[in-house]
């Protein structure tokens, strides 16, 4: 459990650990990564075929996104986008 929460970088939350996310460190870490990636792209543009990775913080995380059912009044398109992003 310690490894999973403290060391493993989860792809669903842009490769930060759950502990970093819960502590609120994810935004700063992702901002730094975006800067590093842009600098690398600027140094060697021929190495990049497109845009860099999206390092924006993931705002909504569901443990079981496939089991999430739209509740009354909930925007079904927003729910489907969340499912596709997971």
C-alpha atoms as a PDB file:
ATOM      1  CA  UNK A   1       0.000   0.000   0.000  1.00  0.00           C
ATOM      2  CA  UNK A   2       2.853   2.418   0.805  1.00  0.00           C
ATOM      3  CA  UNK A   3       4.435   1.907  -2.611  1.00  0.00           C
ATOM      4  CA  UNK A   4       1.098   2.383  -4.405  1.00  0.00           C
ATOM      5  CA  UNK A   5       0.274   5.657  -2.638  1.00  0.00           C
ATOM      6  CA  UNK A   6       3.742   7.144  -2.126  1.00  0.00           C
ATOM      7  CA  UNK A   7       5.871   5.990  -5.066  1.00  0.00           C
ATOM      8  CA  UNK A   8       3.769   4.715  -7.979  1.00  0.00           C
ATOM      9  CA  UNK A   9       2.989   7.450 -10.493  1.00  0.00           C
ATOM     10  CA  UNK A  10      -0.524   6.886 -11.812  1.00  0.00           C
ATOM     11  CA  UNK A  11      -1.303   7.557 -15.469  1.00  0.00           C
ATOM     12  CA  UNK A  12      -4.918   8.553 -14.693  1.00  0.00           C
ATOM     13  CA  UNK A  13      -3.648  11.524 -12.655  1.00  0.00           C
ATOM     14  CA  UNK A  14      -0.866  12.547 -15.072  1.00  0.00           C
ATOM     15  CA  UNK A  15       1.894  10.531 -13.488  1.00  0.00           C
ATOM     16  CA  UNK A  16       1.880  11.907  -9.961  1.00  0.00           C
ATOM     17  CA  UNK A  17       1.457   9.793  -6.864  1.00  0.00           C
ATOM     18  CA  UNK A  18      -1.828   9.759  -4.958  1.00  0.00           C
ATOM     19  CA  UNK A  19       0.032  11.223  -1.972  1.00  0.00           C
ATOM     20  CA  UNK A  20       1.286  14.149  -4.082  1.00  0.00           C
ATOM     21  CA  UNK A  21      -2.206  14.757  -5.394  1.00  0.00           C
ATOM     22  CA  UNK A  22      -3.856  14.600  -1.966  1.00  0.00           C
ATOM     23  CA  UNK A  23      -1.248  16.964  -0.542  1.00  0.00           C
ATOM     24  CA  UNK A  24      -1.899  19.444  -3.362  1.00  0.00           C
ATOM     25  CA  UNK A  25       1.589  19.143  -4.861  1.00  0.00           C
ATOM     26  CA  UNK A  26       0.369  17.884  -8.242  1.00  0.00           C
ATOM     27  CA  UNK A  27      -0.295  21.320  -9.756  1.00  0.00           C
ATOM     28  CA  UNK A  28       3.239  22.588  -9.109  1.00  0.00           C
ATOM     29  CA  UNK A  29       4.800  19.320 -10.284  1.00  0.00           C
ATOM     30  CA  UNK A  30       2.782  19.346 -13.500  1.00  0.00           C
ATOM     31  CA  UNK A  31       3.634  23.003 -14.161  1.00  0.00           C
ATOM     32  CA  UNK A  32       7.335  22.173 -13.838  1.00  0.00           C
ATOM     33  CA  UNK A  33       6.947  19.220 -16.209  1.00  0.00           C
ATOM     34  CA  UNK A  34       5.222  21.402 -18.794  1.00  0.00           C
ATOM     35  CA  UNK A  35       8.143  23.848 -18.644  1.00  0.00           C
ATOM     36  CA  UNK A  36      10.713  21.057 -18.997  1.00  0.00           C
ATOM     37  CA  UNK A  37       8.879  19.522 -21.964  1.00  0.00           C
ATOM     38  CA  UNK A  38       8.506  22.870 -23.747  1.00  0.00           C
ATOM     39  CA  UNK A  39      12.204  23.603 -23.205  1.00  0.00           C
ATOM     40  CA  UNK A  40      13.131  20.199 -24.638  1.00  0.00           C
ATOM     41  CA  UNK A  41      10.879  20.781 -27.633  1.00  0.00           C
ATOM     42  CA  UNK A  42      12.448  24.217 -28.217  1.00  0.00           C
ATOM     43  CA  UNK A  43      15.993  22.776 -27.976  1.00  0.00           C
ATOM     44  CA  UNK A  44      15.301  19.985 -30.455  1.00  0.00           C
ATOM     45  CA  UNK A  45      12.082  20.602 -32.420  1.00  0.00           C
ATOM     46  CA  UNK A  46      12.912  17.914 -34.971  1.00  0.00           C
ATOM     47  CA  UNK A  47      12.548  15.322 -32.202  1.00  0.00           C
ATOM     48  CA  UNK A  48       8.878  16.225 -31.719  1.00  0.00           C
ATOM     49  CA  UNK A  49       6.163  15.328 -34.185  1.00  0.00           C
ATOM     50  CA  UNK A  50       3.436  17.308 -32.432  1.00  0.00           C
ATOM     51  CA  UNK A  51       2.470  19.021 -29.232  1.00  0.00           C
ATOM     52  CA  UNK A  52       3.906  18.038 -25.879  1.00  0.00           C
ATOM     53  CA  UNK A  53       1.899  16.000 -23.401  1.00  0.00           C
ATOM     54  CA  UNK A  54      -1.009  17.688 -21.664  1.00  0.00           C
ATOM     55  CA  UNK A  55       0.290  18.342 -18.146  1.00  0.00           C
ATOM     56  CA  UNK A  56      -2.876  20.000 -16.819  1.00  0.00           C
ATOM     57  CA  UNK A  57      -3.998  18.664 -13.435  1.00  0.00           C
ATOM     58  CA  UNK A  58      -6.761  16.079 -13.552  1.00  0.00           C
ATOM     59  CA  UNK A  59      -9.675  17.665 -11.716  1.00  0.00           C
ATOM     60  CA  UNK A  60     -12.055  14.723 -11.332  1.00  0.00           C
ATOM     61  CA  UNK A  61     -10.977  11.188 -10.520  1.00  0.00           C
ATOM     62  CA  UNK A  62     -13.343   8.270 -10.109  1.00  0.00           C
ATOM     63  CA  UNK A  63     -12.330   4.937  -8.653  1.00  0.00           C
ATOM     64  CA  UNK A  64     -14.655   3.054 -10.990  1.00  0.00           C
ATOM     65  CA  UNK A  65     -15.410   5.359 -13.925  1.00  0.00           C
ATOM     66  CA  UNK A  66     -17.256   2.635 -15.840  1.00  0.00           C
ATOM     67  CA  UNK A  67     -19.716   2.265 -12.981  1.00  0.00           C
ATOM     68  CA  UNK A  68     -20.531   5.962 -12.784  1.00  0.00           C
ATOM     69  CA  UNK A  69     -24.127   6.542 -13.854  1.00  0.00           C
ATOM     70  CA  UNK A  70     -25.474   9.976 -14.675  1.00  0.00           C
ATOM     71  CA  UNK A  71     -27.648  11.253 -11.873  1.00  0.00           C
ATOM     72  CA  UNK A  72     -30.773  13.299 -12.414  1.00  0.00           C
ATOM     73  CA  UNK A  73     -29.804  16.750 -13.662  1.00  0.00           C
ATOM     74  CA  UNK A  74     -26.241  15.711 -14.504  1.00  0.00           C
ATOM     75  CA  UNK A  75     -24.925  16.547 -17.963  1.00  0.00           C
ATOM     76  CA  UNK A  76     -24.584  13.196 -19.763  1.00  0.00           C
ATOM     77  CA  UNK A  77     -21.971  14.601 -22.188  1.00  0.00           C
ATOM     78  CA  UNK A  78     -19.772  15.623 -19.255  1.00  0.00           C
ATOM     79  CA  UNK A  79     -20.115  12.119 -17.799  1.00  0.00           C
ATOM     80  CA  UNK A  80     -19.134  10.537 -21.123  1.00  0.00           C
ATOM     81  CA  UNK A  81     -16.094  12.832 -21.415  1.00  0.00           C
ATOM     82  CA  UNK A  82     -14.988  11.755 -17.952  1.00  0.00           C
ATOM     83  CA  UNK A  83     -15.345   8.105 -18.950  1.00  0.00           C
ATOM     84  CA  UNK A  84     -13.322   8.663 -22.121  1.00  0.00           C
ATOM     85  CA  UNK A  85     -10.586  10.527 -20.230  1.00  0.00           C
ATOM     86  CA  UNK A  86     -10.173   7.749 -17.659  1.00  0.00           C
END
